Amino acid sequence: MPAYSVTTATYRIGAVDYRIRSLSDRQQYSDPDGAAERAGISSASWPIFGVVWPSGLALAREMSHFAFTGLKILEVGCGIGLSSLVLQSLGADITASDHHPLAEEFLRFNSDLNGLAPIKFHNAPWVGPNPELGRFDLIVGSDLLYERGHPVLLSAFLACHTEGSARVLLADPGRGRCGQFTSAMTNQGYRRSEERFRCDGETNVIPRGRMMSFTRRES
């Protein structure tokens, strides 16, 4: 038996119900073999991978009607991989990545739970190029800019794994580091646009959530 507790819930994305196993709460930590410690994951950040976050739901809904035909897609920082599951169910060429030692296990369990073929997965910390990972036409992710160094680390990682013409789509709940990330992406030749979305349960007049799209065309 694992030394953490889980729950299973159903989420409607588009016209499809997905059953998702996630951690039952965010006050957990289990690292019996030291894998999380070796990956630089603290006890405070350990449970973040295993939760269905509002931005993750927003990204999954966006993917349910996204025009992905012919695109090689990477979900970065996938956590439990809800968007990857949606894309896999629609027949997209999707690879999931994360650096949490349990992310692949949860992703595989949830793909099995929904009757889907296993999703390609790579352990991919944002520390430089990963030659086995390759390059992608579209990279997606949700709620990735929650620590001070993330804009620089993520933008550098993306530079190693995008094609010359590429698109990056990030769902953010309204954190304060979007500007720093945008500057780094602009320096790589991207142009940004965004749409606002309302996180589940949010009551603000102006939605805080941002679906940020970064597009670069090869000259």
Protein backbone atom coordinates (compact mmCIF):
# COMPACT_ATOMS: atom_id res chain seq x y z
CA MET A 1 0.00 0.00 0.00
CA PRO A 2 1.33 3.50 -0.85
CA ALA A 3 2.05 5.85 2.04
CA TYR A 4 -0.28 8.49 0.62
CA SER A 5 -4.05 8.62 0.15
CA VAL A 6 -5.85 9.06 -3.16
CA THR A 7 -9.33 9.76 -4.43
CA THR A 8 -11.05 9.24 -7.75
CA ALA A 9 -13.37 11.84 -9.27
CA THR A 10 -15.08 12.38 -12.61
CA TYR A 11 -14.48 15.52 -14.68
CA ARG A 12 -16.49 16.44 -17.76
CA ILE A 13 -14.23 17.83 -20.47
CA GLY A 14 -16.14 18.74 -23.61
CA ALA A 15 -18.68 15.95 -24.06
CA VAL A 16 -16.58 13.27 -22.35
CA ASP A 17 -16.34 12.19 -18.72
CA TYR A 18 -12.83 11.37 -17.48
CA ARG A 19 -12.20 9.46 -14.27
CA ILE A 20 -9.10 10.80 -12.56
CA ARG A 21 -7.17 9.44 -9.61
CA SER A 22 -5.45 12.20 -7.66
CA LEU A 23 -4.14 12.80 -4.16
CA SER A 24 -6.99 13.14 -1.69
CA ASP A 25 -5.50 16.32 -0.21
CA ARG A 26 -2.50 18.65 -0.45
CA GLN A 27 -1.07 17.90 2.99
CA GLN A 28 0.86 14.77 2.08
CA TYR A 29 4.45 13.70 1.65
CA SER A 30 5.92 10.29 0.88
CA ASP A 31 9.48 9.74 -0.29
CA PRO A 32 10.57 6.35 1.06
CA ASP A 33 13.43 5.86 -1.40
CA GLY A 34 14.57 9.50 -1.53
CA ALA A 35 13.63 9.96 -5.22
CA ALA A 36 11.85 13.27 -4.61
CA GLU A 37 14.73 14.60 -2.53
CA ARG A 38 17.21 13.70 -5.27
CA ALA A 39 14.99 15.52 -7.78
CA GLY A 40 15.04 18.65 -5.60
CA ILE A 41 11.38 18.34 -4.61
CA SER A 42 10.67 19.59 -1.09
CA SER A 43 8.02 18.21 1.24
CA ALA A 44 5.98 21.40 0.69
CA SER A 45 5.97 21.08 -3.10
CA TRP A 46 5.72 17.27 -3.20
CA PRO A 47 1.87 17.05 -3.45
CA ILE A 48 1.51 19.75 -6.12
CA PHE A 49 1.83 17.25 -8.98
CA GLY A 50 -1.08 15.13 -7.80
CA VAL A 51 -3.94 17.65 -7.68
CA VAL A 52 -6.46 18.71 -10.32
CA TRP A 53 -5.92 22.48 -10.40
CA PRO A 54 -8.33 25.04 -11.91
CA SER A 55 -5.81 25.97 -14.61
CA GLY A 56 -5.37 22.31 -15.45
CA LEU A 57 -9.09 22.02 -16.03
CA ALA A 58 -9.05 25.14 -18.21
CA LEU A 59 -6.21 23.77 -20.34
CA ALA A 60 -7.91 20.38 -20.71
CA ARG A 61 -11.09 22.09 -21.89
CA GLU A 62 -9.06 24.11 -24.39
CA MET A 63 -7.44 20.92 -25.69
CA SER A 64 -10.83 19.24 -26.15
CA HIS A 65 -11.54 21.48 -29.15
CA PHE A 66 -8.02 22.45 -30.23
CA ALA A 67 -6.97 22.03 -33.86
CA PHE A 68 -4.00 19.69 -33.32
CA THR A 69 -3.91 17.77 -36.61
CA GLY A 70 -0.33 17.17 -37.74
CA LEU A 71 1.22 18.66 -34.60
CA LYS A 72 3.75 16.96 -32.37
CA ILE A 73 2.66 17.99 -28.86
CA LEU A 74 4.33 18.03 -25.45
CA GLU A 75 2.61 18.64 -22.13
CA VAL A 76 5.26 20.04 -19.81
CA GLY A 77 4.86 19.75 -16.03
CA CYS A 78 1.98 17.39 -16.68
CA GLY A 79 1.32 16.30 -13.08
CA ILE A 80 -1.49 13.75 -13.31
CA GLY A 81 -1.77 14.62 -17.02
CA LEU A 82 -5.42 15.57 -17.55
CA SER A 83 -4.70 17.49 -20.78
CA SER A 84 -2.56 14.64 -22.08
CA LEU A 85 -5.42 12.23 -21.41
CA VAL A 86 -7.83 14.44 -23.35
CA LEU A 87 -5.43 14.73 -26.29
CA GLN A 88 -4.72 10.99 -26.26
CA SER A 89 -8.44 10.23 -26.37
CA LEU A 90 -8.75 12.46 -29.46
CA GLY A 91 -5.89 10.77 -31.29
CA ALA A 92 -3.26 13.51 -30.95
CA ASP A 93 0.50 12.86 -31.07
CA ILE A 94 1.03 13.68 -27.38
CA THR A 95 4.02 13.22 -25.07
CA ALA A 96 3.77 14.05 -21.36
CA SER A 97 6.66 15.19 -19.18
CA ASP A 98 7.30 15.99 -15.54
CA HIS A 99 10.10 15.49 -13.03
CA HIS A 100 8.04 14.23 -10.08
CA PRO A 101 8.89 10.57 -9.37
CA LEU A 102 5.19 9.61 -9.21
CA ALA A 103 3.92 11.51 -12.26
CA GLU A 104 4.42 8.64 -14.72
CA GLU A 105 2.72 6.16 -12.39
CA PHE A 106 -0.35 8.39 -11.94
CA LEU A 107 -0.50 9.12 -15.66
CA ARG A 108 -0.39 5.41 -16.53
CA PHE A 109 -3.04 4.59 -13.93
CA ASN A 110 -5.36 7.29 -15.26
CA SER A 111 -4.89 6.27 -18.89
CA ASP A 112 -5.79 2.69 -17.91
CA LEU A 113 -8.73 3.97 -15.86
CA ASN A 114 -10.13 5.68 -18.95
CA GLY A 115 -9.44 2.82 -21.35
CA LEU A 116 -6.69 4.70 -23.20
CA ALA A 117 -3.41 3.47 -24.61
CA PRO A 118 -0.35 4.41 -22.52
CA ILE A 119 0.85 7.97 -23.11
CA LYS A 120 4.50 8.56 -24.01
CA PHE A 121 6.25 9.99 -20.94
CA HIS A 122 9.63 11.57 -20.26
CA ASN A 123 11.16 12.59 -16.98
CA ALA A 124 12.18 16.13 -17.88
CA PRO A 125 13.43 18.58 -15.26
CA TRP A 126 14.01 22.12 -16.55
CA VAL A 127 17.79 21.95 -16.26
CA GLY A 128 18.82 21.95 -19.91
CA PRO A 129 18.25 20.02 -23.12
CA ASN A 130 17.03 16.44 -22.96
CA PRO A 131 18.26 14.80 -26.19
CA GLU A 132 15.82 11.89 -25.87
CA LEU A 133 12.83 14.22 -25.62
CA GLY A 134 13.19 15.90 -29.00
CA ARG A 135 11.43 18.98 -30.39
CA PHE A 136 7.75 19.83 -30.69
CA ASP A 137 5.39 21.99 -32.72
CA LEU A 138 3.13 22.70 -29.74
CA ILE A 139 3.97 22.73 -26.03
CA VAL A 140 1.19 23.10 -23.47
CA GLY A 141 1.15 23.43 -19.70
CA SER A 142 -0.83 24.79 -16.78
CA ASP A 143 0.05 26.74 -13.62
CA LEU A 144 3.81 26.44 -14.14
CA LEU A 145 5.03 29.86 -12.94
CA TYR A 146 4.49 29.51 -9.19
CA GLU A 147 8.12 29.85 -8.04
CA ARG A 148 10.48 32.78 -8.54
CA GLY A 149 12.89 31.01 -10.87
CA HIS A 150 10.30 29.28 -13.03
CA PRO A 151 9.98 31.89 -15.83
CA VAL A 152 13.70 31.70 -16.64
CA LEU A 153 13.96 27.93 -16.21
CA LEU A 154 10.84 27.17 -18.25
CA SER A 155 11.64 29.55 -21.12
CA ALA A 156 15.16 28.07 -21.39
CA PHE A 157 13.73 24.55 -21.40
CA LEU A 158 11.25 25.47 -24.13
CA ALA A 159 14.05 26.91 -26.26
CA CYS A 160 15.66 23.45 -26.30
CA HIS A 161 12.52 21.58 -27.30
CA THR A 162 10.56 23.67 -29.81
CA GLU A 163 10.74 23.65 -33.59
CA GLY A 164 11.61 26.87 -35.44
CA SER A 165 7.92 27.49 -36.02
CA ALA A 166 6.15 26.63 -32.78
CA ARG A 167 3.37 27.53 -30.42
CA VAL A 168 3.36 27.48 -26.63
CA LEU A 169 0.05 27.54 -24.77
CA LEU A 170 0.05 28.09 -21.00
CA ALA A 171 -2.93 28.33 -18.67
CA ASP A 172 -2.13 30.51 -15.65
CA PRO A 173 -4.47 31.32 -12.74
CA GLY A 174 -3.26 34.93 -12.51
CA ARG A 175 0.12 34.68 -10.83
CA GLY A 176 2.52 37.60 -10.90
CA ARG A 177 5.30 36.09 -13.01
CA CYS A 178 3.59 36.11 -16.41
CA GLY A 179 5.36 39.34 -17.40
CA GLN A 180 8.82 37.94 -16.72
CA PHE A 181 8.00 34.82 -18.70
CA THR A 182 6.58 36.88 -21.57
CA SER A 183 9.80 38.93 -21.77
CA ALA A 184 11.89 35.76 -21.98
CA MET A 185 9.65 34.34 -24.71
CA THR A 186 9.70 37.63 -26.65
CA ASN A 187 13.49 37.42 -26.67
CA GLN A 188 13.13 34.03 -28.37
CA GLY A 189 11.02 35.54 -31.16
CA TYR A 190 7.54 34.74 -29.89
CA ARG A 191 4.48 36.95 -30.10
CA ARG A 192 1.96 36.70 -27.28
CA SER A 193 -1.82 36.84 -27.20
CA GLU A 194 -4.15 35.83 -24.41
CA GLU A 195 -7.71 35.10 -23.48
CA ARG A 196 -9.08 35.32 -19.97
CA PHE A 197 -10.83 32.39 -18.31
CA ARG A 198 -12.69 32.07 -15.05
CA CYS A 199 -11.40 29.40 -12.71
CA ASP A 200 -14.04 27.13 -11.21
CA GLY A 201 -15.52 28.89 -8.19
CA GLU A 202 -14.04 32.29 -9.08
CA THR A 203 -16.40 35.24 -8.57
CA ASN A 204 -14.25 38.18 -9.73
CA VAL A 205 -15.88 40.53 -12.23
CA ILE A 206 -12.80 40.26 -14.46
CA PRO A 207 -11.55 36.66 -14.66
CA ARG A 208 -8.03 36.21 -13.31
CA GLY A 209 -7.12 33.17 -15.37
CA ARG A 210 -5.03 33.71 -18.51
CA MET A 211 -4.74 31.37 -21.47
CA MET A 212 -1.47 32.68 -22.88
CA SER A 213 -0.55 31.79 -26.44
CA PHE A 214 3.00 32.34 -27.72
CA THR A 215 3.54 31.89 -31.46
CA ARG A 216 6.78 31.93 -33.44
CA ARG A 217 7.11 31.65 -37.21
CA GLU A 218 10.34 30.45 -38.75
CA SER A 219 11.75 33.15 -41.03
